[in-house]
Amino acid sequence: MWCWRLAWLLRGLSWQRGTSGHRSLWLSRGTRTILAAAAHGHHTAPESLRCAWQLHRDHLELTYGNTLMRLDFVWLRDHCRSASCYNTKTNQRSLDTASVDLAIRPQAVRVDGTTLFLTWPDGHVTRYGLEWLVKNSYEGQKQQVMHPRILWNAEIYRQAQVPSVDCQSFLETDEGLKEFLQNFLLYGIAFVENVTPTKEDTEILAERISIIRETIYGRMWYFTSDFSRGDTAYTKLALDRHTDTTYFQEPCGIQVFHCLKHEGTGGRTLLVDGFHAAEQVLRKAPEQFELLCKVPLKHEYVENVGDCHNHMIGVGPVLNVYPWNNELYLIRYNNYDRAVINTVPYDVVHRWYHAHRTLTTELRRPENELWVKLKPGKALFVDNWRVLHGREAFTGYRQLCGCYLTRDDVLNTARLLGLQA
């Protein structure tokens, strides 16, 4: 909101400069070409176009709608979409960026309707749609969300009545697949019903949206309480909320769970929207949110069980945000696998513990806990970059199968179906 207000105020200042000092010619409504220029390069378009621009020493200042953009001249030359600079068949740049003069400056600038034209010293003409610039400029990106989401606690999710998708519809129709992916993108979890309870059928399900990511746990894994791996998950003990593979440099993006059999009691799955909890930290203690975004931590997995010998180390902060708009995209939270904190000095560590406690308090609020009883035939997909999972202790024989999916491929599938991902 403050960015919008700043742009509006700055636009107002440009108006005042234009009316009090510069020689500028306002065009009548409907005129589509700038006919005259102001001294010092300040120009305005018809009010109906909501566009004004001003040349500076090394950049073009352009206001369109409610967005004030500052566009570097090299950037404007580098992103030219003319036939000689950009291959529209491959969607790849043809221009050699290293050949662009870093001191380049356009010889002429004009706005025609909703298109910006720049003529360069060699005579080359670059054109940009103003809407394209708003979408792709730094200032425009700051106002946009990369991944639309619905943050939830248990009550919000239940009231939303998010439907499961039938397995046949998921596998055989684009409509079913799109509905599933939309649910997954918005909430970070999604269910498929009526799946044949076998590892093979679960694998077919997973491959519908992604390449399966093979890890130290294999491709498709069986999950029992036989302690066959050096991990608490392979027991009957309760597991507190966490994200998986924090000890990977890039944690696995999506996790698939399918309970094939359970002869006993307990074992409900716990799901918590980590982004919802982080949002509460940002609202209540923004300085702690910032600290959790900046302090790098090591997570570690050391295993020497049978033939399995592994030592994995991943490094990164608990919260990861896009730097241009502070949008959260990954939470790395696993108190089991967090290694020795030796990457920051003592005074920062103490403040980090306070911030970690604040986040943990939000994650452990009962109203944020969604408990689900997994059963044969119902597969669960979890966004491991967003939603924490855990389980209650159980008795008897319990067998799950599942896998990890590559995040890029899931998002690729969603985009091909027309979803924002």
Protein backbone atom coordinates (compact mmCIF):
# COMPACT_ATOMS: atom_id res chain seq x y z
CA MET A 1 0.00 0.00 0.00
CA TRP A 2 2.79 2.44 0.88
CA CYS A 3 4.42 1.80 -2.52
CA TRP A 4 1.18 2.83 -4.26
CA ARG A 5 0.94 5.98 -2.17
CA LEU A 6 4.58 6.85 -2.84
CA ALA A 7 4.09 6.46 -6.57
CA TRP A 8 0.99 8.67 -6.41
CA LEU A 9 2.83 11.38 -4.45
CA LEU A 10 5.78 11.31 -6.81
CA ARG A 11 3.46 11.54 -9.77
CA GLY A 12 1.93 14.58 -8.16
CA LEU A 13 5.37 16.15 -7.74
CA SER A 14 6.12 15.54 -11.42
CA TRP A 15 2.83 17.30 -12.29
CA GLN A 16 3.85 20.29 -10.19
CA ARG A 17 7.28 20.46 -11.80
CA GLY A 18 5.70 20.25 -15.20
CA THR A 19 3.23 23.07 -14.55
CA SER A 20 5.56 25.38 -12.65
CA GLY A 21 8.89 25.14 -14.44
CA HIS A 22 9.06 23.10 -17.62
CA ARG A 23 7.71 23.86 -21.07
CA SER A 24 5.38 20.94 -21.67
CA LEU A 25 2.41 20.59 -23.97
CA TRP A 26 -0.63 18.66 -22.70
CA LEU A 27 -2.42 16.88 -25.51
CA SER A 28 -6.14 16.84 -26.03
CA ARG A 29 -8.10 13.68 -25.16
CA GLY A 30 -7.73 11.01 -27.82
CA THR A 31 -4.47 12.32 -29.27
CA ARG A 32 -2.16 9.35 -29.66
CA THR A 33 1.28 10.90 -30.20
CA ILE A 34 3.49 13.14 -28.08
CA LEU A 35 4.03 16.25 -30.23
CA ALA A 36 6.21 18.40 -28.05
CA ALA A 37 8.88 17.91 -25.40
CA ALA A 38 9.64 19.80 -22.25
CA ALA A 39 12.94 21.37 -21.43
CA HIS A 40 15.02 18.89 -19.36
CA GLY A 41 13.12 15.97 -20.93
CA HIS A 42 9.89 15.97 -18.89
CA HIS A 43 6.90 14.75 -20.89
CA THR A 44 3.29 13.94 -20.22
CA ALA A 45 0.70 11.94 -22.11
CA PRO A 46 -3.03 12.62 -22.17
CA GLU A 47 -4.68 12.30 -18.80
CA SER A 48 -6.82 9.50 -20.20
CA LEU A 49 -3.63 7.47 -20.75
CA ARG A 50 -2.41 8.18 -17.22
CA CYS A 51 1.17 8.31 -18.50
CA ALA A 52 4.07 10.73 -17.95
CA TRP A 53 7.81 10.33 -18.48
CA GLN A 54 11.07 12.15 -17.87
CA LEU A 55 14.59 11.47 -19.12
CA HIS A 56 17.41 11.47 -16.59
CA ARG A 57 21.14 11.01 -17.04
CA ASP A 58 21.09 7.23 -16.84
CA HIS A 59 17.45 6.19 -16.74
CA LEU A 60 13.91 6.88 -17.90
CA GLU A 61 11.34 7.76 -15.25
CA LEU A 62 7.93 6.61 -16.40
CA THR A 63 4.60 6.84 -14.59
CA TYR A 64 1.74 4.75 -15.89
CA GLY A 65 -1.44 4.30 -13.90
CA ASN A 66 -0.41 4.13 -10.26
CA THR A 67 3.09 2.82 -10.94
CA LEU A 68 6.19 5.00 -11.01
CA MET A 69 8.99 3.14 -12.79
CA ARG A 70 12.70 3.96 -13.05
CA LEU A 71 14.05 2.11 -16.07
CA ASP A 72 17.78 1.86 -16.64
CA PHE A 73 18.81 2.59 -20.24
CA VAL A 74 20.91 -0.59 -20.54
CA TRP A 75 17.95 -2.57 -19.20
CA LEU A 76 15.69 -0.98 -21.81
CA ARG A 77 18.10 -1.89 -24.60
CA ASP A 78 18.76 -5.40 -23.25
CA HIS A 79 15.07 -6.34 -23.09
CA CYS A 80 14.19 -5.24 -26.60
CA ARG A 81 11.76 -7.68 -28.20
CA SER A 82 12.43 -6.81 -31.83
CA ALA A 83 13.12 -9.65 -34.30
CA SER A 84 16.87 -9.00 -34.27
CA CYS A 85 17.08 -9.01 -30.45
CA TYR A 86 14.62 -11.71 -29.38
CA ASN A 87 13.58 -15.03 -30.91
CA THR A 88 9.83 -15.33 -30.40
CA LYS A 89 9.87 -18.95 -31.61
CA THR A 90 12.18 -20.09 -28.82
CA ASN A 91 11.37 -17.28 -26.35
CA GLN A 92 15.09 -16.60 -25.99
CA ARG A 93 17.23 -13.49 -26.19
CA SER A 94 19.30 -13.11 -29.36
CA LEU A 95 20.96 -9.85 -28.38
CA ASP A 96 24.48 -10.16 -26.95
CA THR A 97 24.08 -8.24 -23.71
CA ALA A 98 27.85 -7.84 -23.35
CA SER A 99 27.89 -5.85 -26.59
CA VAL A 100 25.58 -3.13 -25.28
CA ASP A 101 27.36 0.11 -24.42
CA LEU A 102 26.97 0.56 -20.64
CA ALA A 103 26.74 4.32 -21.23
CA ILE A 104 24.02 3.97 -23.86
CA ARG A 105 21.28 6.61 -23.96
CA PRO A 106 18.30 6.83 -26.33
CA GLN A 107 18.39 9.57 -28.95
CA ALA A 108 14.61 9.87 -29.05
CA VAL A 109 11.71 8.81 -26.83
CA ARG A 110 8.01 8.99 -27.52
CA VAL A 111 4.75 7.44 -26.34
CA ASP A 112 2.17 6.49 -28.94
CA GLY A 113 -1.06 5.36 -27.33
CA THR A 114 -0.01 2.64 -24.91
CA THR A 115 3.38 1.97 -26.52
CA LEU A 116 6.78 3.40 -25.61
CA PHE A 117 9.27 3.89 -28.48
CA LEU A 118 13.00 4.40 -27.95
CA THR A 119 15.42 5.19 -30.78
CA TRP A 120 19.05 4.29 -30.02
CA PRO A 121 22.23 5.97 -31.35
CA ASP A 122 22.67 3.29 -34.06
CA GLY A 123 19.12 3.90 -35.30
CA HIS A 124 17.64 0.73 -33.77
CA VAL A 125 14.10 1.22 -32.47
CA THR A 126 12.81 -0.57 -29.37
CA ARG A 127 9.12 -0.61 -28.50
CA TYR A 128 7.43 -1.61 -25.26
CA GLY A 129 3.78 -1.90 -24.29
CA LEU A 130 3.22 0.18 -21.16
CA GLU A 131 1.32 -2.68 -19.51
CA TRP A 132 4.29 -4.97 -20.20
CA LEU A 133 6.59 -2.49 -18.50
CA VAL A 134 4.30 -2.24 -15.47
CA LYS A 135 4.26 -6.02 -15.17
CA ASN A 136 7.99 -6.52 -15.71
CA SER A 137 9.59 -3.49 -14.07
CA TYR A 138 11.08 -3.73 -10.61
CA GLU A 139 8.43 -1.39 -9.22
CA GLY A 140 5.67 -3.42 -10.86
CA GLN A 141 7.02 -6.68 -9.48
CA LYS A 142 7.12 -5.22 -5.97
CA GLN A 143 3.35 -4.78 -6.17
CA GLN A 144 2.67 -8.28 -7.49
CA VAL A 145 2.46 -11.67 -5.84
CA MET A 146 4.45 -14.48 -7.40
CA HIS A 147 2.31 -17.23 -5.92
CA PRO A 148 -1.30 -16.45 -4.87
CA ARG A 149 -2.16 -18.33 -1.69
CA ILE A 150 -4.85 -18.69 0.93
CA LEU A 151 -3.30 -18.76 4.40
CA TRP A 152 -5.17 -21.03 6.75
CA ASN A 153 -5.60 -22.44 10.19
CA ALA A 154 -7.71 -25.52 10.93
CA GLU A 155 -11.02 -23.65 11.00
CA ILE A 156 -10.33 -21.69 7.81
CA TYR A 157 -9.44 -24.88 5.96
CA ARG A 158 -12.49 -26.78 7.20
CA GLN A 159 -14.86 -23.94 6.33
CA ALA A 160 -13.39 -23.74 2.83
CA GLN A 161 -14.56 -27.34 2.27
CA VAL A 162 -11.79 -27.94 -0.23
CA PRO A 163 -12.86 -31.01 -2.21
CA SER A 164 -10.70 -34.04 -2.84
CA VAL A 165 -10.25 -34.97 -6.49
CA ASP A 166 -11.27 -38.41 -7.73
CA CYS A 167 -8.34 -40.51 -8.92
CA GLN A 168 -9.84 -41.25 -12.35
CA SER A 169 -10.59 -37.58 -12.97
CA PHE A 170 -7.09 -36.67 -11.79
CA LEU A 171 -5.41 -39.16 -14.11
CA GLU A 172 -7.61 -38.87 -17.19
CA THR A 173 -8.89 -35.29 -17.46
CA ASP A 174 -7.30 -31.86 -17.54
CA GLU A 175 -10.24 -30.53 -15.53
CA GLY A 176 -9.56 -32.90 -12.65
CA LEU A 177 -5.83 -32.24 -12.77
CA LYS A 178 -6.37 -28.47 -12.85
CA GLU A 179 -8.75 -28.58 -9.88
CA PHE A 180 -6.22 -30.58 -7.90
CA LEU A 181 -3.36 -28.23 -8.75
CA GLN A 182 -5.42 -25.13 -7.96
CA ASN A 183 -6.20 -26.55 -4.51
CA PHE A 184 -2.54 -27.42 -4.01
CA LEU A 185 -1.26 -24.01 -5.06
CA LEU A 186 -3.73 -22.13 -2.86
CA TYR A 187 -3.53 -24.23 0.29
CA GLY A 188 -0.25 -26.16 0.04
CA ILE A 189 -2.05 -29.50 0.47
CA ALA A 190 -4.37 -31.51 -1.75
CA PHE A 191 -5.99 -34.94 -1.66
CA VAL A 192 -6.79 -37.57 -4.29
CA GLU A 193 -9.46 -40.15 -3.43
CA ASN A 194 -10.10 -43.71 -4.63
CA VAL A 195 -6.48 -44.55 -5.31
CA THR A 196 -5.69 -48.25 -5.44
CA PRO A 197 -3.63 -48.77 -2.23
CA THR A 198 -0.40 -50.00 -3.79
CA LYS A 199 3.00 -48.46 -4.26
CA GLU A 200 2.74 -48.91 -8.01
CA ASP A 201 -0.55 -47.01 -8.28
CA THR A 202 0.76 -44.26 -6.03
CA GLU A 203 3.75 -43.91 -8.34
CA ILE A 204 1.46 -43.51 -11.36
CA LEU A 205 -0.44 -40.85 -9.43
CA ALA A 206 2.72 -38.90 -8.61
CA GLU A 207 4.06 -39.04 -12.16
CA ARG A 208 0.90 -37.34 -13.41
CA ILE A 209 2.23 -34.00 -12.19
CA SER A 210 5.98 -34.38 -11.86
CA ILE A 211 9.17 -36.31 -12.26
CA ILE A 212 9.79 -38.24 -9.05
CA ARG A 213 12.88 -36.99 -7.25
CA GLU A 214 15.20 -39.83 -6.31
CA THR A 215 16.99 -39.19 -3.01
CA ILE A 216 18.99 -41.11 -0.41
CA TYR A 217 15.66 -42.75 0.47
CA GLY A 218 15.26 -44.08 -3.05
CA ARG A 219 12.61 -43.32 -5.64
CA MET A 220 9.40 -44.68 -4.08
CA TRP A 221 9.68 -45.60 -0.44
CA TYR A 222 7.83 -47.77 2.04
CA PHE A 223 7.47 -46.24 5.47
CA THR A 224 7.10 -48.53 8.51
CA SER A 225 8.16 -48.51 12.16
CA ASP A 226 10.98 -51.01 11.69
CA PHE A 227 13.75 -48.43 12.29
CA SER A 228 15.30 -49.52 9.01
CA ARG A 229 16.66 -45.98 8.57
CA GLY A 230 18.40 -43.72 11.05
CA ASP A 231 15.40 -41.44 11.43
CA THR A 232 12.74 -40.97 14.11
CA ALA A 233 10.11 -41.20 11.39
CA TYR A 234 10.79 -44.94 11.15
CA THR A 235 9.41 -45.53 14.66
CA LYS A 236 5.98 -45.49 16.34
CA LEU A 237 6.79 -42.30 18.23
CA ALA A 238 4.95 -39.03 17.77
CA LEU A 239 6.59 -36.54 15.43
CA ASP A 240 6.39 -32.81 16.04
CA ARG A 241 5.62 -30.50 13.11
CA HIS A 242 8.48 -30.09 10.68
CA THR A 243 9.45 -29.81 7.04
CA ASP A 244 11.44 -32.60 5.37
CA THR A 245 14.96 -32.66 3.93
CA THR A 246 16.05 -29.39 5.52
CA TYR A 247 19.53 -30.96 5.28
CA PHE A 248 19.38 -30.73 1.47
CA GLN A 249 20.77 -27.58 -0.11
CA GLU A 250 17.39 -27.41 -1.86
CA PRO A 251 14.75 -29.14 0.26
CA CYS A 252 12.38 -31.40 -1.64
CA GLY A 253 9.45 -29.43 -3.00
CA ILE A 254 6.47 -31.78 -2.67
CA GLN A 255 5.91 -34.89 -0.59
CA VAL A 256 3.35 -37.60 -1.36
CA PHE A 257 1.85 -39.77 1.41
CA HIS A 258 -0.42 -42.76 0.91
CA CYS A 259 -1.35 -45.00 3.85
CA LEU A 260 -1.56 -48.54 2.50
CA LYS A 261 -2.38 -50.29 5.75
CA HIS A 262 -2.83 -49.58 9.44
CA GLU A 263 -3.84 -52.27 11.92
CA GLY A 264 -3.86 -50.37 15.20
CA THR A 265 -4.72 -47.03 16.78
CA GLY A 266 -3.46 -43.45 16.59
CA GLY A 267 -1.16 -42.26 13.83
CA ARG A 268 -3.17 -39.23 12.71
CA THR A 269 -1.24 -36.83 10.47
CA LEU A 270 -0.71 -33.25 11.62
CA LEU A 271 -0.63 -30.42 9.06
CA VAL A 272 0.23 -26.79 9.82
CA ASP A 273 0.40 -23.89 7.36
CA GLY A 274 3.87 -22.52 8.05
CA PHE A 275 3.22 -19.40 5.99
CA HIS A 276 0.17 -18.55 8.10
CA ALA A 277 2.29 -18.85 11.26
CA ALA A 278 5.08 -16.76 9.72
CA GLU A 279 2.56 -14.11 8.73
CA GLN A 280 1.54 -13.82 12.40
CA VAL A 281 5.20 -13.32 13.35
CA LEU A 282 5.54 -10.61 10.71
CA ARG A 283 2.46 -8.86 12.05
CA LYS A 284 3.40 -9.11 15.74
CA ALA A 285 7.21 -8.91 15.64
CA PRO A 286 8.52 -7.76 12.25
CA GLU A 287 12.09 -7.47 13.50
CA GLN A 288 12.02 -11.13 14.51
CA PHE A 289 10.57 -12.11 11.13
CA GLU A 290 13.47 -10.28 9.47
CA LEU A 291 15.99 -12.08 11.66
CA LEU A 292 14.53 -15.47 10.75
CA CYS A 293 14.94 -14.47 7.09
CA LYS A 294 18.60 -13.51 7.48
CA VAL A 295 20.34 -15.89 9.89
CA PRO A 296 21.80 -18.90 8.02
CA LEU A 297 21.57 -22.24 9.80
CA LYS A 298 22.96 -25.68 9.12
CA HIS A 299 20.72 -28.73 9.10
CA GLU A 300 22.32 -32.14 9.15
CA TYR A 301 21.45 -35.79 8.55
CA VAL A 302 23.93 -38.39 9.74
CA GLU A 303 23.04 -42.04 9.17
CA ASN A 304 24.93 -45.26 9.74
CA VAL A 305 22.34 -48.04 9.73
CA GLY A 306 22.92 -51.26 7.83
CA ASP A 307 24.05 -50.40 4.32
CA CYS A 308 22.88 -46.79 4.60
CA HIS A 309 25.72 -44.36 5.19
CA ASN A 310 24.91 -40.70 4.67
CA HIS A 311 26.03 -37.32 5.89
CA MET A 312 23.93 -34.51 4.40
CA ILE A 313 24.26 -30.80 5.23
CA GLY A 314 21.95 -28.03 4.05
CA VAL A 315 22.37 -24.33 4.79
CA GLY A 316 19.75 -21.61 4.78
CA PRO A 317 17.56 -19.40 6.97
CA VAL A 318 14.32 -20.62 8.52
CA LEU A 319 12.28 -18.23 6.39
CA ASN A 320 13.11 -17.49 2.77
CA VAL A 321 11.60 -14.50 0.95
CA TYR A 322 11.88 -12.93 -2.48
CA PRO A 323 13.99 -9.80 -1.83
CA TRP A 324 12.04 -7.47 -4.11
CA ASN A 325 8.62 -7.92 -2.44
CA ASN A 326 9.33 -9.86 0.78
CA GLU A 327 6.98 -12.64 -0.33
CA LEU A 328 7.65 -15.83 1.61
CA TYR A 329 8.41 -18.84 -0.59
CA LEU A 330 10.11 -21.42 1.67
CA ILE A 331 10.17 -22.33 5.34
CA ARG A 332 12.98 -24.59 6.56
CA TYR A 333 11.86 -25.74 10.00
CA ASN A 334 13.01 -29.00 11.59
CA ASN A 335 14.13 -29.02 15.20
CA TYR A 336 15.19 -32.67 14.90
CA ASP A 337 17.74 -32.04 12.15
CA ARG A 338 18.98 -28.55 12.99
CA ALA A 339 22.74 -28.79 13.45
CA VAL A 340 25.03 -26.85 15.80
CA ILE A 341 24.49 -23.12 15.35
CA ASN A 342 27.99 -21.87 14.57
CA THR A 343 27.32 -19.41 11.77
CA VAL A 344 26.47 -16.28 13.81
CA PRO A 345 27.92 -14.49 16.88
CA TYR A 346 26.51 -14.94 20.36
CA ASP A 347 24.43 -11.75 20.52
CA VAL A 348 22.69 -12.55 17.24
CA VAL A 349 22.14 -16.15 18.35
CA HIS A 350 20.30 -15.02 21.47
CA ARG A 351 18.01 -12.77 19.44
CA TRP A 352 17.49 -15.62 16.98
CA TYR A 353 16.34 -17.90 19.83
CA HIS A 354 13.73 -15.32 20.77
CA ALA A 355 12.54 -15.15 17.14
CA HIS A 356 12.51 -18.93 16.83
CA ARG A 357 10.44 -19.18 20.01
CA THR A 358 7.92 -16.69 18.61
CA LEU A 359 7.55 -18.69 15.40
CA THR A 360 7.33 -21.99 17.28
CA THR A 361 4.59 -20.58 19.50
CA GLU A 362 2.56 -19.72 16.40
CA LEU A 363 3.20 -23.10 14.80
CA ARG A 364 2.05 -24.88 17.97
CA ARG A 365 -1.18 -22.98 18.52
CA PRO A 366 -3.96 -25.62 18.66
CA GLU A 367 -6.14 -23.60 16.29
CA ASN A 368 -3.43 -23.90 13.63
CA GLU A 369 -3.34 -27.70 13.77
CA LEU A 370 -5.20 -29.65 11.11
CA TRP A 371 -5.39 -33.34 12.03
CA VAL A 372 -6.11 -35.83 9.26
CA LYS A 373 -6.50 -39.60 9.46
CA LEU A 374 -4.84 -41.07 6.41
CA LYS A 375 -6.43 -44.22 5.10
CA PRO A 376 -5.95 -46.61 2.17
CA GLY A 377 -7.16 -45.04 -1.06
CA LYS A 378 -6.61 -41.41 0.00
CA ALA A 379 -3.32 -39.88 -1.15
CA LEU A 380 -2.04 -36.62 0.31
CA PHE A 381 0.24 -34.16 -1.50
CA VAL A 382 2.08 -31.68 0.76
CA ASP A 383 3.98 -28.55 -0.25
CA ASN A 384 7.16 -29.20 1.74
CA TRP A 385 8.27 -25.59 1.25
CA ARG A 386 5.20 -24.32 3.06
CA VAL A 387 3.22 -26.86 5.11
CA LEU A 388 4.71 -28.59 8.12
CA HIS A 389 3.64 -32.14 8.90
CA GLY A 390 3.86 -34.44 11.90
CA ARG A 391 1.99 -37.34 13.43
CA GLU A 392 0.70 -38.69 16.69
CA ALA A 393 2.10 -41.89 18.17
CA PHE A 394 0.45 -45.11 17.04
CA THR A 395 0.12 -48.78 17.82
CA GLY A 396 0.10 -51.79 15.56
CA TYR A 397 1.39 -52.21 12.03
CA ARG A 398 1.27 -49.08 9.89
CA GLN A 399 2.61 -48.89 6.35
CA LEU A 400 2.85 -45.80 4.18
CA CYS A 401 4.35 -45.33 0.78
CA GLY A 402 5.30 -42.12 -0.90
CA CYS A 403 7.90 -40.08 -2.70
CA TYR A 404 9.30 -36.63 -3.24
CA LEU A 405 8.48 -34.61 -6.34
CA THR A 406 10.50 -31.96 -8.12
CA ARG A 407 8.92 -28.60 -7.49
CA ASP A 408 9.81 -27.17 -10.88
CA ASP A 409 7.88 -29.89 -12.70
CA VAL A 410 4.76 -29.47 -10.57
CA LEU A 411 4.74 -25.72 -11.20
CA ASN A 412 5.41 -26.32 -14.88
CA THR A 413 2.36 -28.59 -15.12
CA ALA A 414 0.25 -25.92 -13.39
CA ARG A 415 1.39 -23.14 -15.73
CA LEU A 416 0.69 -25.24 -18.81
CA LEU A 417 -2.90 -25.53 -17.54
CA GLY A 418 -3.17 -21.75 -17.26
CA LEU A 419 -2.63 -21.41 -13.50
CA GLN A 420 -0.41 -18.80 -11.85
CA ALA A 421 2.42 -20.72 -10.25
